N, C-alpha and C. Protein backbone atom coordinates (compact mmCIF):
# COMPACT_ATOMS: atom_id res chain seq x y z
N UNK A 1 -30.52 13.77 5.64
CA UNK A 1 -28.74 13.51 5.57
C UNK A 1 -28.84 12.29 5.79
N UNK A 2 -27.95 11.70 4.42
CA UNK A 2 -27.92 9.85 5.21
C UNK A 2 -27.09 9.51 5.35
N UNK A 3 -26.38 8.66 6.49
CA UNK A 3 -24.90 8.66 6.81
C UNK A 3 -24.49 7.51 6.87
N UNK A 4 -23.36 6.91 5.99
CA UNK A 4 -22.93 5.19 6.09
C UNK A 4 -22.22 5.12 7.23
N UNK A 5 -22.21 3.74 7.58
CA UNK A 5 -21.67 3.56 8.59
C UNK A 5 -21.91 4.37 10.35
N UNK A 6 -22.45 3.60 11.36
CA UNK A 6 -22.89 4.31 12.11
C UNK A 6 -21.69 3.59 13.49
N UNK A 7 -21.01 3.08 13.81
CA UNK A 7 -20.09 2.78 14.42
C UNK A 7 -18.93 4.00 15.23
N UNK A 8 -18.99 5.23 14.68
CA UNK A 8 -18.67 6.22 14.92
C UNK A 8 -19.95 7.46 15.36
N UNK A 9 -19.55 8.46 16.19
CA UNK A 9 -20.20 9.28 17.34
C UNK A 9 -20.61 10.69 16.10
N UNK A 10 -19.95 11.01 14.87
CA UNK A 10 -20.15 12.17 14.64
C UNK A 10 -22.08 12.64 14.28
N UNK A 11 -22.58 11.46 13.98
CA UNK A 11 -24.16 11.94 14.19
C UNK A 11 -24.12 12.93 15.34
N UNK A 12 -23.98 12.98 16.32
CA UNK A 12 -24.49 13.38 17.56
C UNK A 12 -24.13 15.08 17.00
N UNK A 13 -22.93 15.24 16.92
CA UNK A 13 -22.57 16.76 16.25
C UNK A 13 -23.70 17.40 15.81
N UNK A 14 -23.72 16.20 14.39
CA UNK A 14 -25.10 16.58 13.44
C UNK A 14 -25.86 16.99 13.98
N UNK A 15 -26.44 16.29 15.06
CA UNK A 15 -27.93 16.36 15.27
C UNK A 15 -28.26 17.88 16.68
N UNK A 16 -26.97 17.91 16.94
CA UNK A 16 -26.86 19.22 18.02
C UNK A 16 -26.34 20.46 16.96
N UNK A 17 -26.19 20.31 15.63
CA UNK A 17 -25.79 21.57 14.76
C UNK A 17 -27.66 21.66 13.94
N UNK A 18 -28.23 20.71 14.57
CA UNK A 18 -30.11 21.20 13.96
C UNK A 18 -30.13 19.94 12.46
N UNK A 19 -29.10 19.06 12.15
CA UNK A 19 -29.06 18.31 11.23
C UNK A 19 -30.32 16.77 11.42
N UNK A 20 -31.30 16.74 10.30
CA UNK A 20 -31.62 15.64 10.35
C UNK A 20 -31.11 14.39 9.96
N UNK A 21 -30.65 13.46 10.41
CA UNK A 21 -30.12 12.61 10.10
C UNK A 21 -30.10 11.25 9.67
N UNK A 22 -30.43 10.44 9.04
CA UNK A 22 -30.80 8.91 8.41
C UNK A 22 -29.28 7.88 8.54
N UNK A 23 -29.51 7.57 9.75
CA UNK A 23 -28.02 6.16 9.94
C UNK A 23 -27.90 4.97 9.38
N UNK A 24 -27.18 4.77 8.82
CA UNK A 24 -27.45 3.17 7.68
C UNK A 24 -26.48 2.30 8.28
N UNK A 25 -26.45 1.05 8.37
CA UNK A 25 -25.32 0.13 8.53
C UNK A 25 -25.73 -1.37 8.23
N UNK A 26 -25.12 -2.10 8.27
CA UNK A 26 -26.20 -3.36 7.72
C UNK A 26 -25.52 -4.23 8.77
N UNK A 27 -24.79 -4.37 10.45
CA UNK A 27 -25.48 -4.88 11.39
C UNK A 27 -26.45 -4.22 11.96
N UNK A 28 -27.43 -6.17 12.26
CA UNK A 28 -28.17 -5.05 13.45
C UNK A 28 -28.06 -4.66 14.81
N UNK A 29 -26.87 -5.04 15.31
CA UNK A 29 -26.49 -4.74 16.41
C UNK A 29 -25.72 -3.90 16.56
N UNK A 30 -25.28 -3.16 15.78
CA UNK A 30 -24.58 -1.76 15.93
C UNK A 30 -25.73 -0.89 15.71
N UNK A 31 -26.74 -1.29 14.86
CA UNK A 31 -27.94 -0.29 15.01
C UNK A 31 -29.07 -0.47 15.81
N UNK A 32 -28.94 -1.43 16.92
CA UNK A 32 -29.69 -1.30 17.71
C UNK A 32 -28.76 -1.09 19.32
N UNK A 33 -27.65 -1.11 19.27
CA UNK A 33 -26.42 0.02 19.99
C UNK A 33 -27.16 1.71 20.09
N UNK A 34 -26.38 1.65 19.17
CA UNK A 34 -26.93 3.24 18.09
C UNK A 34 -28.35 3.33 18.84
N UNK A 35 -29.43 2.67 18.36
CA UNK A 35 -30.44 3.52 18.61
C UNK A 35 -31.09 3.45 20.35
N UNK A 36 -30.56 2.63 20.67
CA UNK A 36 -30.74 2.88 22.05
C UNK A 36 -29.81 4.13 23.08
N UNK A 37 -28.45 4.07 22.68
CA UNK A 37 -27.58 4.96 23.05
C UNK A 37 -27.93 6.06 22.77
N UNK A 38 -28.60 6.56 21.46
CA UNK A 38 -29.58 8.25 20.93
C UNK A 38 -31.10 8.21 20.77
N UNK A 39 -31.42 7.60 22.45
CA UNK A 39 -32.92 7.21 22.39
C UNK A 39 -33.40 8.06 22.25
N UNK A 40 -32.63 9.87 22.57
CA UNK A 40 -33.48 11.23 23.69
C UNK A 40 -33.11 11.55 22.36
N UNK A 41 -32.15 11.56 21.23
CA UNK A 41 -32.43 12.30 20.00
C UNK A 41 -32.88 11.92 19.17
N UNK A 42 -33.99 12.95 18.69
CA UNK A 42 -35.08 12.45 17.75
C UNK A 42 -35.42 12.84 15.96
N UNK A 43 -33.66 13.62 15.89
CA UNK A 43 -33.40 13.86 15.14
C UNK A 43 -32.53 12.39 14.42
N UNK A 44 -32.57 11.82 15.02
CA UNK A 44 -31.18 10.68 14.16
C UNK A 44 -32.36 9.59 14.01
N UNK A 45 -32.34 9.06 13.00
CA UNK A 45 -33.12 7.52 12.95
C UNK A 45 -32.20 6.81 12.18
N UNK A 46 -32.18 5.00 12.67
CA UNK A 46 -31.51 4.18 12.50
C UNK A 46 -32.43 3.06 11.61
N UNK A 47 -31.14 2.77 10.61
CA UNK A 47 -31.97 1.86 9.42
C UNK A 47 -30.85 0.92 9.33
N UNK A 48 -30.99 -0.59 9.38
CA UNK A 48 -30.35 -1.88 8.17
C UNK A 48 -30.42 -2.02 7.60
N UNK A 49 -29.44 -1.54 6.66
CA UNK A 49 -29.51 -1.88 5.24
C UNK A 49 -28.30 -2.33 4.58
N UNK A 50 -28.31 -2.83 3.21
CA UNK A 50 -27.15 -3.26 3.08
C UNK A 50 -26.87 -2.00 1.50
N UNK A 51 -25.25 -1.42 1.55
CA UNK A 51 -24.98 -0.21 1.62
C UNK A 51 -25.33 -0.14 -0.22
N UNK A 52 -24.81 -1.93 -1.20
CA UNK A 52 -25.14 -1.48 -2.52
C UNK A 52 -26.65 -1.50 -3.10
N UNK A 53 -27.72 -2.05 -1.91
CA UNK A 53 -28.76 -1.49 -2.38
C UNK A 53 -30.07 -1.49 -1.34
N UNK A 54 -30.61 -0.56 -1.57
CA UNK A 54 -31.26 0.29 -0.28
C UNK A 54 -33.32 0.24 -1.53
N UNK A 55 -33.42 -0.54 -0.87
CA UNK A 55 -34.89 -0.25 -1.81
C UNK A 55 -35.73 0.41 -0.90
N UNK A 56 -35.45 0.55 0.29
CA UNK A 56 -36.33 0.68 1.62
C UNK A 56 -36.27 2.18 1.49
N UNK A 57 -35.25 2.45 1.12
CA UNK A 57 -35.28 4.25 0.88
C UNK A 57 -35.55 4.61 -0.76
N UNK A 58 -36.47 6.28 -0.88
CA UNK A 58 -37.07 6.51 -2.19
C UNK A 58 -35.70 7.17 -2.64
N UNK A 59 -35.49 6.94 -3.71
CA UNK A 59 -34.65 7.78 -4.75
C UNK A 59 -34.91 9.69 -4.69
N UNK A 60 -33.73 10.21 -4.50
CA UNK A 60 -33.89 12.09 -4.29
C UNK A 60 -34.01 12.41 -3.58
N UNK A 61 -34.13 11.59 -2.07
CA UNK A 61 -34.39 11.34 -1.05
C UNK A 61 -33.99 12.53 -0.16
N UNK A 62 -32.81 12.40 -0.07
CA UNK A 62 -31.72 13.51 0.79
C UNK A 62 -31.12 14.16 0.19
N UNK A 63 -30.31 15.54 0.91
CA UNK A 63 -29.52 16.61 0.14
C UNK A 63 -28.40 15.98 0.59
N UNK A 64 -27.71 15.26 1.26
CA UNK A 64 -26.50 14.69 1.42
C UNK A 64 -26.11 14.01 1.64
N UNK A 65 -25.31 13.33 1.54
CA UNK A 65 -24.54 11.76 2.28
C UNK A 65 -22.97 11.67 2.72
N UNK A 66 -22.55 11.32 3.89
CA UNK A 66 -21.60 11.70 4.42
C UNK A 66 -21.17 9.88 4.32
N UNK A 67 -19.61 8.92 4.12
CA UNK A 67 -19.61 8.27 3.94
C UNK A 67 -17.94 8.70 4.74
N UNK A 68 -17.97 7.49 6.31
CA UNK A 68 -16.54 7.15 6.83
C UNK A 68 -15.96 6.10 6.95
N UNK A 69 -15.47 6.05 5.56
CA UNK A 69 -14.86 4.42 5.68
C UNK A 69 -15.88 3.43 4.77
N UNK A 70 -16.72 3.75 4.72
CA UNK A 70 -17.60 2.02 4.28
C UNK A 70 -17.34 2.08 2.70
N UNK A 71 -16.74 2.88 2.06
CA UNK A 71 -16.35 2.74 0.49
C UNK A 71 -15.29 2.06 1.22
N UNK A 72 -14.33 2.45 1.56
CA UNK A 72 -12.92 1.72 1.63
C UNK A 72 -13.33 0.20 2.42
N UNK A 73 -14.14 -0.20 3.23
CA UNK A 73 -15.14 -1.17 3.76
C UNK A 73 -15.11 -2.38 2.35
N UNK A 74 -15.96 -1.91 1.47
CA UNK A 74 -16.73 -2.28 0.52
C UNK A 74 -15.29 -2.69 -0.49
N UNK A 75 -14.81 -1.90 -0.78
CA UNK A 75 -13.23 -2.11 -2.03
C UNK A 75 -12.71 -3.12 -1.09
N UNK A 76 -12.13 -3.87 0.17
CA UNK A 76 -11.83 -4.90 0.78
C UNK A 76 -12.45 -6.48 0.71
N UNK A 77 -13.95 -6.45 0.26
CA UNK A 77 -14.20 -7.46 -0.22
C UNK A 77 -13.99 -8.11 -1.32
N UNK A 78 -13.91 -9.56 -1.85
CA UNK A 78 -13.65 -10.10 -3.11
C UNK A 78 -14.19 -9.82 -4.27
N UNK A 79 -15.29 -9.08 -4.19
CA UNK A 79 -15.59 -8.53 -5.38
C UNK A 79 -15.84 -6.85 -5.48
N UNK A 80 -14.66 -5.99 -4.68
CA UNK A 80 -14.66 -5.06 -4.05
C UNK A 80 -15.36 -3.74 -5.24
N UNK A 81 -14.09 -3.64 -6.34
CA UNK A 81 -14.72 -2.78 -7.46
C UNK A 81 -16.45 -3.46 -8.01
N UNK A 82 -16.79 -4.60 -8.03
CA UNK A 82 -18.24 -4.49 -8.55
C UNK A 82 -19.75 -4.02 -7.18
N UNK A 83 -18.81 -4.38 -6.18
CA UNK A 83 -20.01 -4.16 -4.79
C UNK A 83 -19.93 -2.32 -4.59
N UNK A 84 -18.36 -1.60 -5.56
CA UNK A 84 -18.60 -0.48 -5.09
C UNK A 84 -19.17 0.29 -6.57
N UNK A 85 -19.17 0.30 -7.41
CA UNK A 85 -19.66 0.82 -8.37
C UNK A 85 -21.70 0.49 -7.68
N UNK A 86 -21.47 -0.22 -7.08
CA UNK A 86 -23.26 -0.71 -6.64
C UNK A 86 -23.85 0.25 -5.90
N UNK A 87 -22.81 0.51 -5.01
CA UNK A 87 -22.79 1.15 -3.83
C UNK A 87 -22.67 2.39 -4.49
N UNK A 88 -22.04 3.16 -5.21
CA UNK A 88 -21.91 4.49 -5.65
C UNK A 88 -23.10 5.07 -6.49
N UNK A 89 -23.95 3.61 -7.44
CA UNK A 89 -24.85 4.07 -7.80
C UNK A 89 -25.66 4.23 -6.86
N UNK A 90 -26.02 3.59 -5.89
CA UNK A 90 -27.44 3.70 -4.73
C UNK A 90 -27.07 5.21 -3.81
N UNK A 91 -26.05 5.46 -4.10
CA UNK A 91 -25.93 7.17 -3.21
C UNK A 91 -26.53 8.08 -4.31
N UNK A 92 -25.80 7.90 -5.88
CA UNK A 92 -26.11 8.73 -7.13
C UNK A 92 -27.85 9.11 -6.80
N UNK A 93 -28.43 7.55 -6.80
CA UNK A 93 -30.03 7.58 -6.67
C UNK A 93 -30.94 8.02 -5.87
N UNK A 94 -30.26 7.76 -4.55
CA UNK A 94 -30.62 8.37 -3.14
C UNK A 94 -30.51 10.28 -3.00
N UNK A 95 -29.48 10.64 -3.72
CA UNK A 95 -29.91 12.62 -3.77
C UNK A 95 -30.33 12.74 -4.55
N UNK A 96 -31.23 13.75 -4.09
CA UNK A 96 -31.51 14.82 -4.74
C UNK A 96 -30.56 15.12 -5.87
N UNK A 97 -30.89 15.89 -6.95
CA UNK A 97 -29.89 16.65 -7.84
C UNK A 97 -29.39 18.13 -6.99
N UNK A 98 -28.41 18.03 -7.58
CA UNK A 98 -27.37 19.06 -6.42
C UNK A 98 -27.04 18.37 -5.81
N UNK A 99 -27.39 17.67 -4.72
CA UNK A 99 -27.42 16.70 -3.95
C UNK A 99 -25.42 16.57 -3.36
N UNK A 100 -25.05 16.57 -2.21
CA UNK A 100 -23.33 16.20 -1.78
C UNK A 100 -23.22 15.20 -1.21
N UNK A 101 -22.12 14.56 -1.95
CA UNK A 101 -21.70 12.82 -0.97
C UNK A 101 -20.48 13.52 -0.63
N UNK A 102 -19.81 13.45 0.84
CA UNK A 102 -18.94 13.54 1.05
C UNK A 102 -17.96 11.86 1.45
N UNK A 103 -16.75 11.62 1.02
CA UNK A 103 -16.71 10.39 1.11
C UNK A 103 -15.35 10.91 1.80
N UNK A 104 -14.99 10.60 3.08
CA UNK A 104 -13.87 9.94 4.04
C UNK A 104 -12.96 9.05 4.09
N UNK A 105 -11.76 9.25 3.27
CA UNK A 105 -11.37 7.72 3.39
C UNK A 105 -9.85 7.98 3.16
N UNK A 106 -9.27 6.55 3.14
CA UNK A 106 -7.92 6.39 3.19
C UNK A 106 -7.18 6.39 1.57
N UNK A 107 -8.49 6.42 1.31
CA UNK A 107 -7.32 6.38 -0.81
C UNK A 107 -7.16 7.60 -0.95
N UNK A 108 -5.44 7.72 -1.37
CA UNK A 108 -5.41 8.78 -1.89
C UNK A 108 -6.52 9.17 -3.44
N UNK A 109 -5.93 10.15 -4.14
CA UNK A 109 -6.42 10.51 -5.17
C UNK A 109 -6.68 9.37 -6.11
N UNK A 110 -4.81 9.03 -6.16
CA UNK A 110 -4.77 7.89 -7.20
C UNK A 110 -5.99 6.73 -7.44
N UNK A 111 -6.32 6.40 -6.49
CA UNK A 111 -6.59 5.32 -5.96
C UNK A 111 -8.20 5.52 -6.44
N UNK A 112 -8.82 6.68 -5.79
CA UNK A 112 -10.25 6.74 -5.48
C UNK A 112 -9.96 7.31 -6.43
N UNK A 113 -9.97 8.44 -6.90
CA UNK A 113 -10.84 9.32 -8.74
C UNK A 113 -11.14 8.50 -9.25
N UNK A 114 -10.76 7.76 -9.91
CA UNK A 114 -10.76 6.69 -11.38
C UNK A 114 -12.36 6.11 -10.88
N UNK A 115 -12.11 5.55 -9.64
CA UNK A 115 -13.66 5.23 -9.86
C UNK A 115 -14.55 5.95 -9.46
N UNK A 116 -14.46 6.91 -8.56
CA UNK A 116 -15.53 8.09 -8.57
C UNK A 116 -16.23 9.09 -9.62
N UNK A 117 -15.02 8.88 -10.64
CA UNK A 117 -15.58 9.53 -11.79
C UNK A 117 -16.33 8.76 -12.97
N UNK A 118 -16.13 7.64 -12.01
CA UNK A 118 -17.05 6.77 -13.27
C UNK A 118 -18.24 6.81 -13.12
N UNK A 119 -18.88 7.97 -11.70
CA UNK A 119 -20.42 8.20 -11.22
C UNK A 119 -20.58 9.35 -12.38
N UNK A 120 -20.03 9.93 -12.67
CA UNK A 120 -20.43 11.39 -13.79
C UNK A 120 -21.35 12.24 -12.74
N UNK A 121 -20.32 12.64 -11.54
CA UNK A 121 -20.61 13.57 -10.89
C UNK A 121 -20.70 14.98 -11.66
N UNK A 122 -21.18 16.09 -10.98
CA UNK A 122 -21.22 17.84 -11.48
C UNK A 122 -19.69 18.01 -11.70
N UNK A 123 -19.64 17.82 -9.87
CA UNK A 123 -17.91 18.08 -9.33
C UNK A 123 -17.34 17.70 -8.41
N UNK A 124 -16.28 17.08 -8.28
CA UNK A 124 -15.68 16.77 -7.43
C UNK A 124 -14.28 17.39 -7.34
N UNK A 125 -14.31 17.73 -5.84
CA UNK A 125 -13.12 18.88 -4.88
C UNK A 125 -12.53 17.58 -4.15
N UNK A 126 -11.16 17.95 -3.60
CA UNK A 126 -10.67 16.98 -2.94
C UNK A 126 -9.25 17.92 -1.44
N UNK A 127 -9.82 16.96 -0.63
CA UNK A 127 -9.36 17.40 0.70
C UNK A 127 -8.13 16.95 1.38
N UNK A 128 -7.48 17.67 1.67
CA UNK A 128 -6.32 16.23 2.75
C UNK A 128 -6.25 16.80 4.63
N UNK A 129 -6.84 15.64 4.91
CA UNK A 129 -7.13 16.04 6.48
C UNK A 129 -5.92 15.14 7.27
N UNK A 130 -4.71 16.25 7.24
CA UNK A 130 -3.72 15.78 8.36
C UNK A 130 -4.15 14.45 9.79
N UNK A 131 -3.75 13.04 9.58
CA UNK A 131 -3.96 12.17 10.60
C UNK A 131 -3.56 12.51 11.98
N UNK A 132 -4.13 12.25 12.82
CA UNK A 132 -4.04 12.37 14.30
C UNK A 132 -2.32 11.86 14.50
N UNK A 133 -2.19 12.69 15.72
CA UNK A 133 -0.40 12.25 16.50
C UNK A 133 -0.04 10.67 16.76
N UNK A 134 -1.56 10.06 17.06
CA UNK A 134 -1.14 8.42 17.46
C UNK A 134 -1.30 7.98 16.49
N UNK A 135 -2.36 8.55 15.20
CA UNK A 135 -2.01 6.77 14.17
C UNK A 135 -0.34 7.28 13.31
N UNK A 136 0.10 8.20 13.41
CA UNK A 136 1.91 8.45 12.95
C UNK A 136 2.61 7.98 13.92
N UNK A 137 2.24 8.03 14.78
CA UNK A 137 3.51 7.44 15.91
C UNK A 137 3.46 5.96 15.92
N UNK A 138 2.40 5.00 15.64
CA UNK A 138 2.97 4.08 15.48
C UNK A 138 3.51 3.52 13.50
N UNK A 139 3.11 4.65 13.40
CA UNK A 139 3.61 4.62 11.91
C UNK A 139 5.24 4.49 11.97
N UNK A 140 5.43 5.65 12.26
CA UNK A 140 6.75 6.15 12.79
C UNK A 140 7.44 5.33 13.37
N UNK A 141 7.08 4.65 14.68
CA UNK A 141 7.94 3.24 15.42
C UNK A 141 8.07 1.89 14.35
N UNK A 142 7.44 2.00 13.64
CA UNK A 142 7.72 0.76 12.37
C UNK A 142 8.89 0.94 11.34
N UNK A 143 8.19 2.09 11.10
CA UNK A 143 9.12 2.79 9.38
C UNK A 143 10.21 3.74 9.90
N UNK A 144 10.22 3.87 10.88
CA UNK A 144 11.59 5.23 11.15
C UNK A 144 11.26 6.22 10.66
N UNK A 145 10.17 6.67 9.71
CA UNK A 145 9.22 8.34 9.34
C UNK A 145 9.81 9.31 10.01
N UNK A 146 9.99 9.99 9.58
CA UNK A 146 9.83 11.24 11.26
C UNK A 146 8.14 11.53 10.90
N UNK A 147 8.08 12.49 11.99
CA UNK A 147 6.32 12.96 12.19
C UNK A 147 6.83 14.09 11.63
N UNK A 148 5.31 14.29 10.60
CA UNK A 148 4.74 15.67 9.96
C UNK A 148 4.60 16.54 10.87
N UNK A 149 4.92 17.76 10.76
CA UNK A 149 5.32 19.31 11.74
C UNK A 149 3.80 19.68 11.16
N UNK A 150 2.82 19.43 11.10
CA UNK A 150 1.03 19.70 10.74
C UNK A 150 0.02 18.52 11.09
N UNK A 151 0.60 17.55 12.01
CA UNK A 151 -0.14 16.87 12.08
C UNK A 151 -1.13 17.17 13.50
N UNK A 152 -2.42 16.31 13.51
CA UNK A 152 -3.34 17.36 14.52
C UNK A 152 -2.80 16.22 15.94
N UNK A 153 -2.94 17.08 17.09
CA UNK A 153 -2.53 16.82 18.43
C UNK A 153 -3.21 15.29 19.01
N UNK A 154 -4.58 15.10 18.46
CA UNK A 154 -5.46 14.26 18.75
C UNK A 154 -6.54 14.37 18.04
N UNK A 155 -7.31 12.92 17.58
CA UNK A 155 -8.35 13.10 16.83
C UNK A 155 -9.98 14.15 17.04
N UNK A 156 -9.56 14.65 18.24
CA UNK A 156 -11.12 15.52 18.37
C UNK A 156 -10.37 16.65 18.19
N UNK A 157 -9.46 17.09 17.90
CA UNK A 157 -8.77 18.35 17.63
C UNK A 157 -9.62 19.28 16.30
N UNK A 158 -9.43 20.02 16.64
CA UNK A 158 -10.09 20.92 14.71
C UNK A 158 -8.28 20.86 14.04
N UNK A 159 -8.92 20.42 12.54
CA UNK A 159 -7.72 20.41 12.11
C UNK A 159 -7.57 21.55 10.91
N UNK A 160 -6.55 21.68 10.40
CA UNK A 160 -6.23 22.08 8.54
C UNK A 160 -6.04 21.84 8.09
N UNK A 161 -7.26 21.56 7.00
CA UNK A 161 -7.32 20.82 5.74
C UNK A 161 -6.67 21.31 4.73
N UNK A 162 -6.58 20.75 3.52
CA UNK A 162 -5.53 20.97 2.55
C UNK A 162 -6.86 21.05 1.49
N UNK A 163 -6.57 22.38 0.42
CA UNK A 163 -7.76 22.29 -0.15
C UNK A 163 -8.79 23.24 0.01
N UNK A 164 -9.84 23.27 -0.89
CA UNK A 164 -10.29 21.71 -1.80
C UNK A 164 -9.72 22.35 -2.97
N UNK A 165 -9.53 21.25 -3.55
CA UNK A 165 -8.74 20.98 -5.04
C UNK A 165 -9.72 20.59 -6.17
N UNK A 166 -9.94 21.03 -7.20
CA UNK A 166 -10.89 20.19 -8.33
C UNK A 166 -9.86 19.16 -8.05
N UNK A 167 -10.69 17.88 -8.92
CA UNK A 167 -10.22 16.80 -9.03
C UNK A 167 -8.89 16.72 -9.71
N UNK A 168 -9.00 17.52 -10.85
CA UNK A 168 -8.34 17.69 -12.35
C UNK A 168 -6.77 17.93 -11.62
N UNK A 169 -6.42 18.96 -10.90
CA UNK A 169 -5.48 19.04 -10.02
C UNK A 169 -5.09 18.75 -8.94
N UNK A 170 -5.76 17.55 -8.47
CA UNK A 170 -5.15 17.31 -7.31
C UNK A 170 -3.88 16.30 -7.05
N UNK A 171 -3.35 15.99 -8.37
CA UNK A 171 -2.54 15.35 -8.24
C UNK A 171 -0.98 16.58 -8.69
N UNK A 172 -1.09 16.93 -9.29
CA UNK A 172 -0.47 18.22 -9.16
C UNK A 172 -0.01 19.14 -8.06
N UNK A 173 -1.34 19.68 -6.87
CA UNK A 173 -1.21 19.89 -6.19
C UNK A 173 -0.14 18.58 -4.89
N UNK A 174 -0.04 17.18 -4.57
CA UNK A 174 0.18 17.20 -4.10
C UNK A 174 2.05 16.91 -4.39
N UNK A 175 1.78 16.66 -5.55
CA UNK A 175 3.42 16.41 -6.13
C UNK A 175 4.27 18.36 -6.06
N UNK A 176 3.47 19.31 -6.50
CA UNK A 176 4.12 20.57 -5.69
C UNK A 176 4.37 20.71 -4.76
N UNK A 177 3.37 20.37 -4.27
CA UNK A 177 3.45 20.26 -2.32
C UNK A 177 4.74 19.64 -1.77
N UNK A 178 5.32 18.81 -2.19
CA UNK A 178 5.78 17.21 -1.93
C UNK A 178 5.53 16.82 -0.59
N UNK A 179 3.83 16.54 -0.79
CA UNK A 179 3.21 15.86 0.39
C UNK A 179 2.96 14.79 0.30
N UNK A 180 3.56 13.58 1.65
CA UNK A 180 3.33 12.58 1.52
C UNK A 180 1.98 11.98 1.70
N UNK A 181 1.28 11.24 1.13
CA UNK A 181 -0.19 10.81 1.28
C UNK A 181 -0.03 9.66 2.58
N UNK A 182 0.45 9.56 2.84
CA UNK A 182 0.48 8.77 4.17
C UNK A 182 0.52 9.05 5.69
N UNK A 183 0.42 10.62 4.96
CA UNK A 183 0.31 11.42 6.30
C UNK A 183 -1.28 11.90 6.25
N UNK A 184 -2.08 11.62 5.53
CA UNK A 184 -3.03 12.16 5.55
C UNK A 184 -4.27 11.76 5.06
N UNK A 185 -5.79 11.58 5.96
CA UNK A 185 -7.32 11.22 5.38
C UNK A 185 -7.27 11.37 4.27
N UNK A 186 -8.33 11.38 3.63
CA UNK A 186 -8.60 12.00 2.30
C UNK A 186 -10.32 12.49 2.45
N UNK A 187 -10.87 13.60 2.02
CA UNK A 187 -11.98 13.87 1.57
C UNK A 187 -12.33 14.54 0.42
N UNK A 188 -13.37 13.62 0.12
CA UNK A 188 -14.04 13.67 -2.02
C UNK A 188 -15.46 14.09 -1.63
N UNK A 189 -15.61 15.41 -2.22
CA UNK A 189 -16.66 16.39 -2.01
C UNK A 189 -17.78 16.20 -3.67
N UNK A 190 -18.07 15.80 -3.73
CA UNK A 190 -19.17 14.74 -4.64
C UNK A 190 -20.10 15.78 -4.86
N UNK A 191 -20.50 16.26 -6.10
CA UNK A 191 -21.93 16.96 -6.47
C UNK A 191 -22.55 16.57 -7.35
N UNK A 192 -23.91 15.65 -6.81
CA UNK A 192 -24.55 15.72 -8.08
C UNK A 192 -25.21 16.40 -9.33
N UNK A 193 -24.99 16.49 -10.37
CA UNK A 193 -25.21 17.31 -11.34
C UNK A 193 -26.88 17.84 -11.40
N UNK A 194 -27.17 19.05 -11.35
CA UNK A 194 -28.51 19.56 -11.06
C UNK A 194 -29.52 19.20 -12.39
N UNK A 195 -30.35 18.67 -12.38
CA UNK A 195 -31.28 17.94 -13.66
C UNK A 195 -31.28 18.41 -15.04
N UNK A 196 -31.31 19.93 -15.31
CA UNK A 196 -30.61 20.39 -16.65
C UNK A 196 -29.28 19.86 -17.03
N UNK A 197 -28.28 19.35 -15.42
CA UNK A 197 -27.19 19.27 -16.24
C UNK A 197 -26.67 18.18 -16.65
N UNK A 198 -27.77 17.21 -16.25
CA UNK A 198 -27.93 15.20 -16.39
C UNK A 198 -28.09 14.89 -17.26
N UNK A 199 -26.79 13.99 -18.13
CA UNK A 199 -26.92 13.60 -19.05
C UNK A 199 -28.23 12.35 -19.71
N UNK A 200 -28.85 12.49 -20.74
CA UNK A 200 -29.96 11.38 -20.70
C UNK A 200 -29.47 9.82 -20.69
N UNK A 201 -29.99 8.71 -20.18
CA UNK A 201 -29.62 7.92 -20.27
C UNK A 201 -29.79 7.01 -21.60
N UNK A 202 -28.97 6.49 -22.09
CA UNK A 202 -28.23 5.87 -23.09
C UNK A 202 -29.86 4.32 -23.60
């Protein structure tokens, strides 16, 4: 498994569950901090790399990839759309056929699916993840919006996700359930086609 952005500690739980995880970040400082913090966890590897171009990693090396905020950060740059496309091409290259890309994002389906679908994934599923109470309280103070009923009490509690829905049905589900996208983070599960399903390059 490859994980982009190492400034959170979800890799500790993955290692405890038996996964071998390659953690990638563009910051040498972050990588050194995490190497030191997890020096005794041998199933965690750390690497300095630019997510838009990672030639040090061979193609089809990974069964899965997790992105928690990396694509969102890439899109904030001046050349965000171009850089995001390069990044998604790299993810596609690194995944083995049938591999999974889990994107956790602030971007709602209306903003993210058009970008993801350019990559010709075999399948994309969408889930909504209720934001923790702390996030929503700040928004409520500033906007006067009432707190939703299904928010998580804190960020470490298990949540009840909505979905998964096929990408083609996500907008309809949001509308039919009258869901406010400001109350959720979004998870996109993208599956790389098997070799027999992949279209030949033109």
